[in-house]
């Protein structure tokens, strides 16, 4: 930047130019007033005024206009510098001419105002043109830098992408391969074997053999993308790997497919783990089936000797009733009662093992009608305990009516049993929950402490003695297994002394789905003493 430009920039630049223009316009107006006062004609004076002030008016309004333009303020000193340079040059020229030719003051003033105005206005125009040219050059440079940055960013994105990327033109030639693509097929950054010989997905590349299609041909001909197709390829070093491939066409300006871009990832390990998981599931299913058969057979075979023990104990009791004392009779009663409880446990275990094998198909079932039948069965127990059982209108669901009745029966029996000192009050309801129906069986009994919520659905895990609350300890476990077979969940919400609400869900349709097991190891409730101390 020249000294003049630096001076202009320091002195205020544009403001200096505006002030100088205003000064010379005022000089022209003052000279006009003097001429008119000395008898000059208005027409002549007006033409002279217009002629002399026009260049300065251009500079004056141009200087004010600079602030409104898109020119960067750092370019303004250049424009002002050119304007003042033109002014100075014309001032020097005018001084030389006047020195050589002479002339009066009036002529000097007219010539000075006009000449310097033309010089300043000319410099202003030149300065504006130069500033615009410089601004365009800067914009071009910025655009170039931006394009370079964008290209570099795209390149870094492609090369550092966590998935393999391959771009193929319509002739089947590889245009681009990123670093991850080379790693997937086992090549180093300097190797290009698999891609130099041709793209991965142009030839028939599915492990099913010649009948399989080419992803490249399909995308090129249809113009439609493909997503997450699994392909098995042979790497340059002979290794067979599984890929999950997505591909999409790239179009040219005329709308024709110009190339195809593939994104792929190695899913060999995932396939291996899926296969191992499938085999593990099959083994577990087979093991569970064997365990169910064993439990059924063992439970069935235990029935006969248990019946024999029970029968002979009763026979012994009846034949020698007069010969045994009170303590011996008590021992016999304990033995008979234990045998009966064992028989009940075996019966329940048999029923538990048959849930998945002996169930009826899931069909549209009126849950309200099922509940009515269960209440009829429990009528003696309800009347005996003076229980009150109410229900809302229940929906029709896809269920095994016999097993659904078992769920209602077990939950209602528990609600009546664990009622505490008050008469049992139980309410059954159902509400829509997404694509399921959520049933609830709520009571006002002794409740369940939160720390036992994860245990209530286990098998034979009791929290009470038989004398406190009778039962086999398998009822809620049976409910859980039945609900799981229907594709639903079961859980409890409760606290000690505040009653309990058991929820279970049944899907609207009979479509099977894998469900989460609420888990647990017991089905008993906290007694009132526990409720007070928790």
Protein backbone atom coordinates (compact mmCIF):
# COMPACT_ATOMS: atom_id res chain seq x y z
CA UNK A 1 0.00 0.00 0.00
CA UNK A 2 1.38 3.41 -0.98
CA UNK A 3 2.17 6.20 1.46
CA UNK A 4 -0.86 8.14 0.19
CA UNK A 5 -3.12 5.16 0.77
CA UNK A 6 -1.71 4.66 4.26
CA UNK A 7 -2.24 8.36 4.99
CA UNK A 8 -5.77 8.21 3.66
CA UNK A 9 -6.52 5.13 5.72
CA UNK A 10 -5.17 6.79 8.84
CA UNK A 11 -6.93 10.10 8.15
CA UNK A 12 -10.35 8.63 7.79
CA UNK A 13 -10.26 7.80 4.09
CA UNK A 14 -13.83 8.01 2.88
CA UNK A 15 -14.71 10.87 5.25
CA UNK A 16 -11.75 12.90 3.91
CA UNK A 17 -12.92 12.39 0.34
CA UNK A 18 -16.48 13.48 1.18
CA UNK A 19 -15.20 16.57 3.03
CA UNK A 20 -12.92 17.56 0.13
CA UNK A 21 -15.77 17.18 -2.37
CA UNK A 22 -18.09 19.25 -0.23
CA UNK A 23 -15.42 21.96 0.07
CA UNK A 24 -15.02 22.32 -3.69
CA UNK A 25 -18.79 22.30 -4.24
CA UNK A 26 -19.03 25.15 -1.74
CA UNK A 27 -16.23 26.99 -3.56
CA UNK A 28 -18.15 26.65 -6.82
CA UNK A 29 -21.33 27.92 -5.22
CA UNK A 30 -19.46 30.84 -3.62
CA UNK A 31 -17.88 31.79 -6.95
CA UNK A 32 -21.34 31.66 -8.57
CA UNK A 33 -22.78 34.01 -5.94
CA UNK A 34 -19.96 36.51 -6.63
CA UNK A 35 -20.52 36.37 -10.39
CA UNK A 36 -24.26 36.93 -10.01
CA UNK A 37 -23.58 39.84 -7.63
CA UNK A 38 -21.30 41.41 -10.27
CA UNK A 39 -24.04 41.28 -12.91
CA UNK A 40 -23.52 37.91 -14.56
CA UNK A 41 -26.55 36.30 -16.27
CA UNK A 42 -28.30 33.49 -14.45
CA UNK A 43 -28.20 31.14 -17.45
CA UNK A 44 -24.47 31.52 -18.01
CA UNK A 45 -23.73 31.27 -14.33
CA UNK A 46 -26.01 28.19 -13.93
CA UNK A 47 -24.33 26.33 -16.79
CA UNK A 48 -20.92 27.16 -15.34
CA UNK A 49 -22.00 26.00 -11.88
CA UNK A 50 -23.37 22.70 -13.23
CA UNK A 51 -20.25 22.10 -15.27
CA UNK A 52 -17.82 22.77 -12.45
CA UNK A 53 -19.67 20.94 -9.69
CA UNK A 54 -20.71 17.80 -11.61
CA UNK A 55 -17.40 15.90 -11.09
CA UNK A 56 -17.29 16.87 -7.44
CA UNK A 57 -20.91 15.81 -6.92
CA UNK A 58 -19.98 12.43 -8.38
CA UNK A 59 -17.15 12.13 -5.87
CA UNK A 60 -19.30 13.47 -3.03
CA UNK A 61 -22.18 11.05 -3.49
CA UNK A 62 -19.82 8.26 -4.52
CA UNK A 63 -17.91 8.63 -1.26
CA UNK A 64 -21.12 8.38 0.71
CA UNK A 65 -22.26 5.43 -1.45
CA UNK A 66 -19.16 3.35 -0.66
CA UNK A 67 -20.52 2.43 2.77
CA UNK A 68 -23.62 0.91 1.15
CA UNK A 69 -21.80 -1.28 -1.36
CA UNK A 70 -20.59 -4.87 -0.99
CA UNK A 71 -16.99 -3.70 -1.27
CA UNK A 72 -14.94 -4.61 1.78
CA UNK A 73 -14.02 -1.55 3.92
CA UNK A 74 -10.35 -2.43 3.61
CA UNK A 75 -10.65 -1.58 -0.12
CA UNK A 76 -11.98 1.93 0.50
CA UNK A 77 -8.50 3.49 1.01
CA UNK A 78 -7.50 2.30 -2.46
CA UNK A 79 -10.45 4.13 -4.00
CA UNK A 80 -9.77 7.25 -1.97
CA UNK A 81 -6.07 7.03 -2.83
CA UNK A 82 -6.83 6.96 -6.56
CA UNK A 83 -9.26 9.89 -6.15
CA UNK A 84 -6.75 12.04 -4.28
CA UNK A 85 -4.02 11.00 -6.68
CA UNK A 86 -6.11 12.23 -9.61
CA UNK A 87 -6.86 15.42 -7.72
CA UNK A 88 -3.15 16.04 -7.03
CA UNK A 89 -2.10 15.34 -10.62
CA UNK A 90 -4.69 17.72 -12.05
CA UNK A 91 -3.75 20.33 -9.48
CA UNK A 92 -0.09 20.17 -10.58
CA UNK A 93 -1.04 20.27 -14.26
CA UNK A 94 -3.34 23.22 -13.65
CA UNK A 95 -0.61 25.11 -11.81
CA UNK A 96 1.84 24.58 -14.69
CA UNK A 97 -0.71 25.72 -17.27
CA UNK A 98 -1.68 28.76 -15.30
CA UNK A 99 1.99 29.67 -14.80
CA UNK A 100 2.69 29.45 -18.50
CA UNK A 101 -0.48 31.07 -19.82
CA UNK A 102 -1.42 33.39 -16.98
CA UNK A 103 -5.01 34.41 -16.35
CA UNK A 104 -7.23 36.10 -13.83
CA UNK A 105 -8.48 34.81 -10.51
CA UNK A 106 -11.90 33.91 -11.85
CA UNK A 107 -10.45 31.81 -14.62
CA UNK A 108 -8.10 30.18 -12.14
CA UNK A 109 -10.98 29.32 -9.85
CA UNK A 110 -13.19 27.91 -12.62
CA UNK A 111 -10.34 25.89 -14.11
CA UNK A 112 -9.19 24.68 -10.70
CA UNK A 113 -12.61 23.49 -9.60
CA UNK A 114 -13.35 21.79 -12.93
CA UNK A 115 -9.92 20.22 -13.51
CA UNK A 116 -9.42 18.90 -10.01
CA UNK A 117 -13.00 17.63 -9.98
CA UNK A 118 -12.42 15.72 -13.22
CA UNK A 119 -9.16 14.33 -11.86
CA UNK A 120 -10.72 13.33 -8.55
CA UNK A 121 -13.81 11.80 -10.20
CA UNK A 122 -11.64 9.95 -12.73
CA UNK A 123 -9.45 8.60 -9.97
CA UNK A 124 -12.57 7.58 -8.06
CA UNK A 125 -13.88 5.57 -11.02
CA UNK A 126 -10.48 3.93 -11.57
CA UNK A 127 -10.25 3.13 -7.87
CA UNK A 128 -13.72 1.56 -7.82
CA UNK A 129 -12.88 -0.60 -10.84
CA UNK A 130 -9.60 -1.70 -9.29
CA UNK A 131 -11.33 -2.45 -5.96
CA UNK A 132 -13.99 -4.52 -7.70
CA UNK A 133 -11.36 -6.43 -9.65
CA UNK A 134 -9.48 -7.10 -6.44
CA UNK A 135 -12.71 -8.15 -4.70
CA UNK A 136 -13.48 -10.57 -7.55
CA UNK A 137 -9.97 -11.98 -7.33
CA UNK A 138 -10.37 -12.45 -3.60
CA UNK A 139 -13.75 -14.13 -4.10
CA UNK A 140 -12.28 -16.41 -6.74
CA UNK A 141 -9.45 -17.32 -4.38
CA UNK A 142 -11.87 -17.93 -1.54
CA UNK A 143 -14.05 -20.11 -3.76
CA UNK A 144 -10.99 -22.00 -4.88
CA UNK A 145 -9.87 -22.51 -1.29
CA UNK A 146 -13.38 -23.56 -0.30
CA UNK A 147 -13.53 -26.06 -3.14
CA UNK A 148 -10.15 -27.42 -2.12
CA UNK A 149 -11.27 -27.70 1.50
CA UNK A 150 -14.50 -29.42 0.48
CA UNK A 151 -12.64 -31.80 -1.79
CA UNK A 152 -10.12 -32.52 0.96
CA UNK A 153 -12.95 -33.06 3.45
CA UNK A 154 -14.76 -35.43 1.10
CA UNK A 155 -11.54 -37.31 0.48
CA UNK A 156 -10.81 -37.62 4.19
CA UNK A 157 -14.39 -38.73 4.89
CA UNK A 158 -14.17 -41.40 2.20
CA UNK A 159 -10.74 -42.62 3.24
CA UNK A 160 -11.48 -42.69 6.98
CA UNK A 161 -14.98 -44.13 6.62
CA UNK A 162 -15.58 -47.14 8.89
CA UNK A 163 -17.14 -49.01 5.94
CA UNK A 164 -15.59 -50.01 2.65
CA UNK A 165 -16.42 -47.77 -0.32
CA UNK A 166 -16.01 -48.62 -4.00
CA UNK A 167 -17.12 -46.49 -6.97
CA UNK A 168 -17.49 -48.16 -10.38
CA UNK A 169 -18.32 -46.49 -13.70
CA UNK A 170 -20.85 -47.93 -16.14
CA UNK A 171 -18.09 -49.74 -18.04
CA UNK A 172 -17.18 -51.66 -14.90
CA UNK A 173 -13.95 -49.78 -14.20
CA UNK A 174 -13.05 -48.93 -10.62
CA UNK A 175 -12.94 -45.17 -10.04
CA UNK A 176 -12.33 -45.07 -6.30
CA UNK A 177 -11.56 -47.45 -3.46
CA UNK A 178 -11.08 -46.31 0.12
CA UNK A 179 -8.67 -47.56 2.77
CA UNK A 180 -11.26 -49.62 4.63
CA UNK A 181 -12.24 -51.47 1.45
CA UNK A 182 -8.64 -52.59 1.00
CA UNK A 183 -8.45 -53.68 4.63
CA UNK A 184 -11.63 -55.74 4.32
CA UNK A 185 -10.30 -57.78 1.38
CA UNK A 186 -6.87 -58.10 3.00
CA UNK A 187 -4.83 -55.64 0.93
CA UNK A 188 -2.35 -53.05 2.14
CA UNK A 189 -2.53 -49.40 1.14
CA UNK A 190 -0.02 -50.03 -1.69
CA UNK A 191 -1.81 -53.08 -3.06
CA UNK A 192 -4.73 -52.91 -5.46
CA UNK A 193 -5.00 -56.47 -6.68
CA UNK A 194 -8.69 -57.17 -6.22
CA UNK A 195 -9.67 -53.76 -7.53
CA UNK A 196 -7.16 -53.54 -10.40
CA UNK A 197 -8.58 -56.78 -11.79
CA UNK A 198 -12.12 -55.46 -11.53
CA UNK A 199 -14.69 -54.29 -8.99
CA UNK A 200 -16.02 -56.62 -6.32
CA UNK A 201 -19.68 -56.57 -7.22
CA UNK A 202 -19.75 -56.54 -11.04
CA UNK A 203 -19.49 -60.28 -11.56
CA UNK A 204 -21.93 -62.76 -10.10
CA UNK A 205 -20.72 -62.63 -6.53
CA UNK A 206 -23.26 -64.40 -4.36
CA UNK A 207 -22.29 -67.67 -2.75
CA UNK A 208 -25.32 -69.35 -4.29
CA UNK A 209 -23.39 -69.51 -7.55
CA UNK A 210 -24.20 -68.68 -11.19
CA UNK A 211 -27.91 -68.27 -10.52
CA UNK A 212 -27.25 -65.25 -8.34
CA UNK A 213 -27.48 -61.78 -9.83
CA UNK A 214 -24.86 -59.04 -10.03
CA UNK A 215 -25.53 -56.07 -7.78
CA UNK A 216 -23.76 -53.78 -10.24
CA UNK A 217 -25.91 -54.87 -13.18
CA UNK A 218 -29.09 -54.64 -11.16
CA UNK A 219 -28.38 -51.09 -9.98
CA UNK A 220 -27.09 -49.92 -13.37
CA UNK A 221 -30.12 -51.23 -15.25
CA UNK A 222 -32.83 -50.31 -12.75
CA UNK A 223 -31.39 -47.10 -11.34
CA UNK A 224 -32.66 -48.21 -7.93
CA UNK A 225 -30.48 -48.54 -4.80
CA UNK A 226 -30.10 -51.74 -2.81
CA UNK A 227 -29.60 -51.98 0.92
CA UNK A 228 -27.94 -54.46 3.27
CA UNK A 229 -27.65 -57.43 0.93
CA UNK A 230 -25.38 -60.19 2.14
CA UNK A 231 -22.73 -61.43 -0.28
CA UNK A 232 -19.88 -63.86 0.12
CA UNK A 233 -16.68 -63.16 -1.82
CA UNK A 234 -13.24 -64.68 -2.17
CA UNK A 235 -10.43 -62.32 -1.14
CA UNK A 236 -7.15 -62.08 -3.13
CA UNK A 237 -5.46 -64.37 -0.62
CA UNK A 238 -8.21 -66.98 -0.94
CA UNK A 239 -10.15 -66.21 2.23
CA UNK A 240 -13.95 -66.35 1.97
CA UNK A 241 -15.72 -63.56 3.81
CA UNK A 242 -19.31 -62.38 4.25
CA UNK A 243 -20.17 -58.79 3.35
CA UNK A 244 -23.23 -56.66 3.97
CA UNK A 245 -23.49 -54.49 0.83
CA UNK A 246 -25.50 -51.39 -0.04
CA UNK A 247 -25.28 -49.72 -3.45
CA UNK A 248 -26.68 -46.62 -5.10
CA UNK A 249 -26.48 -45.10 -8.61
CA UNK A 250 -24.77 -41.76 -9.29
CA UNK A 251 -26.34 -39.73 -12.09
CA UNK A 252 -24.76 -37.32 -14.58
CA UNK A 253 -26.16 -33.93 -15.63
CA UNK A 254 -28.46 -35.55 -18.22
CA UNK A 255 -30.02 -37.86 -15.65
CA UNK A 256 -28.31 -41.06 -16.82
CA UNK A 257 -26.51 -43.47 -14.50
CA UNK A 258 -22.84 -42.48 -14.63
CA UNK A 259 -21.47 -44.76 -11.93
CA UNK A 260 -22.43 -46.91 -8.98
CA UNK A 261 -21.17 -46.46 -5.42
CA UNK A 262 -21.00 -49.42 -3.05
CA UNK A 263 -20.67 -49.30 0.73
CA UNK A 264 -19.92 -52.58 2.46
CA UNK A 265 -18.74 -54.01 5.76
CA UNK A 266 -17.33 -57.33 6.84
CA UNK A 267 -19.98 -59.32 8.73
CA UNK A 268 -18.08 -62.60 8.81
CA UNK A 269 -17.64 -62.47 12.57
CA UNK A 270 -21.26 -61.51 13.06
CA UNK A 271 -22.36 -64.41 10.85
CA UNK A 272 -20.16 -66.75 12.88
CA UNK A 273 -21.63 -65.47 16.14
CA UNK A 274 -25.17 -65.74 14.75
CA UNK A 275 -24.48 -69.32 13.75
CA UNK A 276 -23.05 -70.10 17.18
CA UNK A 277 -26.06 -68.45 18.80
CA UNK A 278 -28.44 -70.45 16.63
CA UNK A 279 -26.67 -73.68 17.53
CA UNK A 280 -26.70 -72.72 21.21
CA UNK A 281 -30.42 -71.99 21.06
CA UNK A 282 -31.05 -75.31 19.36
CA UNK A 283 -29.04 -77.10 22.04
CA UNK A 284 -30.89 -75.25 24.80
CA UNK A 285 -34.25 -76.04 23.23
CA UNK A 286 -33.27 -79.68 22.95
CA UNK A 287 -32.00 -79.65 26.53
CA UNK A 288 -35.19 -77.99 27.77
CA UNK A 289 -37.26 -80.52 25.92
CA UNK A 290 -35.30 -83.35 27.52
CA UNK A 291 -35.67 -81.72 30.93
CA UNK A 292 -39.41 -81.35 30.42
CA UNK A 293 -39.69 -84.99 29.42
CA UNK A 294 -37.56 -85.98 32.41
CA UNK A 295 -39.61 -83.83 34.80
CA UNK A 296 -42.83 -85.27 33.43
CA UNK A 297 -41.56 -88.84 33.61
CA UNK A 298 -40.00 -88.40 37.04
CA UNK A 299 -43.09 -86.72 38.44
CA UNK A 300 -45.34 -89.35 36.93
CA UNK A 301 -43.19 -92.20 38.24
CA UNK A 302 -43.08 -90.65 41.72
CA UNK A 303 -46.85 -90.71 41.96
CA UNK A 304 -47.13 -94.47 42.40
CA UNK A 305 -44.70 -94.99 45.33
CA UNK A 306 -46.03 -91.83 46.96
CA UNK A 307 -49.59 -93.13 46.73
CA UNK A 308 -48.40 -96.41 48.20
CA UNK A 309 -46.72 -94.64 51.14
CA UNK A 310 -49.81 -92.55 51.78
CA UNK A 311 -52.16 -95.54 51.50
CA UNK A 312 -50.16 -97.71 53.89
CA UNK A 313 -49.88 -94.88 56.38
CA UNK A 314 -53.65 -94.49 56.39
CA UNK A 315 -54.08 -98.28 56.60
CA UNK A 316 -51.67 -98.38 59.55
CA UNK A 317 -53.59 -95.56 61.20
CA UNK A 318 -56.97 -97.26 60.77
CA UNK A 319 -55.91 -100.75 61.85
CA UNK A 320 -53.96 -99.74 64.92
CA UNK A 321 -55.92 -96.70 66.01
CA UNK A 322 -56.52 -98.19 69.45
CA UNK A 323 -52.90 -99.20 69.92
CA UNK A 324 -51.12 -95.88 69.28
CA UNK A 325 -50.89 -93.07 71.79
CA UNK A 326 -51.48 -89.38 71.08
CA UNK A 327 -47.89 -88.60 70.16
CA UNK A 328 -47.71 -91.52 67.71
CA UNK A 329 -50.98 -90.43 66.11
CA UNK A 330 -49.54 -86.93 65.68
CA UNK A 331 -46.50 -88.42 63.97
CA UNK A 332 -48.77 -90.39 61.62
CA UNK A 333 -50.75 -87.24 60.82
CA UNK A 334 -47.52 -85.40 59.97
CA UNK A 335 -46.46 -88.24 57.68
CA UNK A 336 -49.83 -88.38 55.90
CA UNK A 337 -49.93 -84.59 55.52
CA UNK A 338 -46.38 -84.57 54.13
CA UNK A 339 -47.28 -87.27 51.62
CA UNK A 340 -50.35 -85.30 50.51
CA UNK A 341 -48.33 -82.11 50.10
CA UNK A 342 -45.72 -83.99 48.13
CA UNK A 343 -48.45 -85.34 45.86
CA UNK A 344 -49.80 -81.81 45.32
CA UNK A 345 -46.31 -80.54 44.50
CA UNK A 346 -45.77 -83.35 42.00
CA UNK A 347 -49.14 -82.63 40.38
CA UNK A 348 -48.23 -78.95 40.05
CA UNK A 349 -44.79 -79.80 38.70
CA UNK A 350 -46.41 -82.01 36.08
CA UNK A 351 -48.72 -79.18 35.11
CA UNK A 352 -45.77 -76.75 34.97
CA UNK A 353 -43.78 -79.05 32.68
CA UNK A 354 -46.74 -79.48 30.31
CA UNK A 355 -47.46 -75.77 29.72
CA UNK A 356 -45.47 -75.62 26.48
CA UNK A 357 -46.39 -79.07 25.18
CA UNK A 358 -50.01 -79.74 26.14
CA UNK A 359 -51.46 -76.27 25.58
CA UNK A 360 -54.34 -75.65 23.18
CA UNK A 361 -53.98 -73.34 20.15
CA UNK A 362 -54.32 -69.61 20.83
CA UNK A 363 -57.78 -68.61 19.66
CA UNK A 364 -60.08 -65.61 20.17
CA UNK A 365 -61.14 -65.97 23.80
CA UNK A 366 -63.58 -63.91 25.85
CA UNK A 367 -61.53 -63.12 28.95
CA UNK A 368 -64.67 -62.03 30.80
CA UNK A 369 -66.32 -65.41 30.25
CA UNK A 370 -63.17 -67.19 31.41
CA UNK A 371 -63.11 -65.09 34.59
CA UNK A 372 -66.78 -65.89 35.28
CA UNK A 373 -66.04 -69.63 35.06
CA UNK A 374 -63.10 -69.25 37.45
CA UNK A 375 -65.24 -67.30 39.94
CA UNK A 376 -67.84 -70.09 39.83
CA UNK A 377 -65.10 -72.62 40.65
CA UNK A 378 -63.83 -70.45 43.52
CA UNK A 379 -67.30 -69.62 44.85
CA UNK A 380 -67.01 -71.81 47.98
CA UNK A 381 -63.66 -70.29 48.90
CA UNK A 382 -64.94 -66.76 48.21
CA UNK A 383 -68.01 -67.26 50.39
CA UNK A 384 -65.96 -68.92 53.12
CA UNK A 385 -63.64 -65.90 53.41
CA UNK A 386 -66.39 -63.31 52.78
CA UNK A 387 -64.32 -62.04 49.83
CA UNK A 388 -65.52 -59.41 47.36
CA UNK A 389 -64.33 -59.85 43.78
CA UNK A 390 -65.25 -57.22 41.17
CA UNK A 391 -64.21 -56.75 37.56
CA UNK A 392 -64.45 -54.35 34.66
CA UNK A 393 -65.51 -55.45 31.20
CA UNK A 394 -62.71 -57.64 29.86
CA UNK A 395 -61.69 -57.89 26.18
CA UNK A 396 -61.47 -60.77 23.76
CA UNK A 397 -57.86 -61.87 23.31
CA UNK A 398 -55.93 -64.60 21.50
CA UNK A 399 -55.40 -67.16 24.24
CA UNK A 400 -55.62 -70.74 25.40
CA UNK A 401 -58.81 -70.49 27.47
CA UNK A 402 -57.79 -73.32 29.79
CA UNK A 403 -54.41 -71.77 30.58
CA UNK A 404 -55.87 -68.26 30.90
CA UNK A 405 -58.29 -69.68 33.46
CA UNK A 406 -55.32 -71.13 35.34
CA UNK A 407 -53.70 -67.67 35.50
CA UNK A 408 -56.88 -66.06 36.85
CA UNK A 409 -57.38 -68.92 39.31
CA UNK A 410 -53.87 -68.70 40.75
CA UNK A 411 -53.86 -64.90 41.04
CA UNK A 412 -57.31 -64.77 42.65
CA UNK A 413 -56.47 -67.61 45.04
CA UNK A 414 -53.34 -65.76 46.15
CA UNK A 415 -55.30 -62.53 46.59
CA UNK A 416 -57.83 -64.29 48.83
CA UNK A 417 -55.17 -66.23 50.75
CA UNK A 418 -52.90 -63.26 51.51
CA UNK A 419 -55.65 -60.86 52.60
CA UNK A 420 -54.51 -60.48 56.21
CA UNK A 421 -57.14 -59.92 58.92
CA UNK A 422 -59.57 -58.06 56.67
CA UNK A 423 -62.10 -59.61 54.30
CA UNK A 424 -60.47 -59.96 50.88
CA UNK A 425 -61.31 -57.30 48.28
CA UNK A 426 -60.09 -58.00 44.74
CA UNK A 427 -60.62 -56.13 41.47
CA UNK A 428 -59.84 -57.40 37.96
CA UNK A 429 -59.48 -55.00 35.03
CA UNK A 430 -57.87 -54.63 31.61
CA UNK A 431 -56.57 -51.67 29.60
CA UNK A 432 -55.19 -51.20 26.11
CA UNK A 433 -51.41 -50.78 25.92
CA UNK A 434 -50.11 -50.42 22.37
CA UNK A 435 -50.59 -53.71 20.58
CA UNK A 436 -51.35 -55.52 23.85
CA UNK A 437 -53.98 -55.79 26.55
CA UNK A 438 -52.67 -55.21 30.07
CA UNK A 439 -54.65 -57.15 32.69
CA UNK A 440 -54.45 -56.41 36.40
CA UNK A 441 -55.54 -58.28 39.52
CA UNK A 442 -55.43 -55.89 42.49
CA UNK A 443 -56.03 -56.74 46.15
CA UNK A 444 -55.87 -54.93 49.50
CA UNK A 445 -53.94 -57.63 51.33
CA UNK A 446 -50.63 -57.75 53.16
CA UNK A 447 -48.60 -56.77 50.12
CA UNK A 448 -45.09 -57.72 49.05
CA UNK A 449 -41.95 -55.95 50.10
CA UNK A 450 -40.07 -54.51 47.08
CA UNK A 451 -36.98 -56.60 47.73
CA UNK A 452 -39.05 -59.73 47.10
CA UNK A 453 -40.52 -58.57 43.77
CA UNK A 454 -37.76 -60.36 41.86
CA UNK A 455 -38.43 -63.62 43.69
CA UNK A 456 -42.17 -64.12 43.51
CA UNK A 457 -42.19 -66.02 40.21
CA UNK A 458 -39.76 -68.77 41.18
CA UNK A 459 -40.54 -72.45 41.73
CA UNK A 460 -40.84 -73.80 45.31
CA UNK A 461 -39.22 -70.75 46.88
CA UNK A 462 -41.37 -70.04 49.94
CA UNK A 463 -41.20 -67.11 52.36
CA UNK A 464 -43.64 -68.62 54.86
CA UNK A 465 -44.21 -71.87 56.64
CA UNK A 466 -47.03 -74.19 55.70
CA UNK A 467 -48.77 -73.35 58.96
CA UNK A 468 -48.84 -69.64 58.07
CA UNK A 469 -50.01 -69.91 54.48
CA UNK A 470 -50.72 -73.23 52.75
CA UNK A 471 -49.71 -73.85 49.14
CA UNK A 472 -47.09 -75.49 46.98
CA UNK A 473 -45.15 -72.37 45.99
CA UNK A 474 -45.46 -72.95 42.26
CA UNK A 475 -48.61 -70.98 41.39
CA UNK A 476 -46.99 -67.74 40.21
CA UNK A 477 -44.23 -69.63 38.39
CA UNK A 478 -46.98 -71.42 36.48
CA UNK A 479 -48.63 -68.05 35.70
CA UNK A 480 -45.34 -66.71 34.37
CA UNK A 481 -44.81 -69.69 32.10
CA UNK A 482 -48.34 -69.51 30.73
CA UNK A 483 -48.08 -65.76 30.04
CA UNK A 484 -44.71 -66.26 28.33
CA UNK A 485 -46.21 -68.95 26.14
CA UNK A 486 -48.82 -66.37 25.05
CA UNK A 487 -46.07 -63.84 24.21
CA UNK A 488 -46.72 -61.53 27.16
CA UNK A 489 -45.08 -60.30 30.36
CA UNK A 490 -46.12 -60.60 34.00
CA UNK A 491 -44.96 -58.51 36.97
CA UNK A 492 -46.07 -57.20 40.35
CA UNK A 493 -46.31 -53.73 41.89
CA UNK A 494 -46.66 -53.71 45.65
CA UNK A 495 -45.34 -52.69 49.03
CA UNK A 496 -45.70 -54.19 52.46
CA UNK A 497 -49.12 -53.54 54.00
CA UNK A 498 -50.48 -51.80 50.88
CA UNK A 499 -51.88 -54.65 48.85
CA UNK A 500 -50.53 -55.96 45.58
CA UNK A 501 -51.39 -55.57 41.91
CA UNK A 502 -50.30 -58.28 39.51
CA UNK A 503 -50.13 -57.23 35.86
CA UNK A 504 -49.87 -59.45 32.82
CA UNK A 505 -50.07 -58.64 29.13
CA UNK A 506 -51.54 -60.58 26.26
CA UNK A 507 -51.06 -59.56 22.61
CA UNK A 508 -54.03 -58.61 20.49
CA UNK A 509 -53.09 -61.29 17.98
CA UNK A 510 -51.67 -64.75 18.30
CA UNK A 511 -48.38 -63.84 16.64
CA UNK A 512 -45.52 -65.27 18.68
CA UNK A 513 -42.75 -63.03 19.95
CA UNK A 514 -39.79 -63.53 22.22
CA UNK A 515 -40.52 -61.98 25.60
CA UNK A 516 -38.56 -60.76 28.56
CA UNK A 517 -38.92 -62.87 31.67
CA UNK A 518 -39.61 -60.77 34.75
CA UNK A 519 -37.58 -63.37 36.63
CA UNK A 520 -37.66 -64.35 40.27
CA UNK A 521 -37.39 -67.27 42.65
CA UNK A 522 -40.56 -67.26 44.76
CA UNK A 523 -44.28 -66.62 44.83
CA UNK A 524 -44.92 -65.87 48.46
CA UNK A 525 -45.75 -62.57 50.13
CA UNK A 526 -44.26 -60.78 53.06
CA UNK A 527 -46.12 -61.44 56.27
CA UNK A 528 -47.46 -58.64 58.40
CA UNK A 529 -44.52 -58.79 60.77
CA UNK A 530 -42.09 -58.33 57.87
CA UNK A 531 -44.21 -55.46 56.55
CA UNK A 532 -43.91 -53.64 59.86
CA UNK A 533 -40.13 -54.07 60.16
CA UNK A 534 -39.10 -53.25 56.57
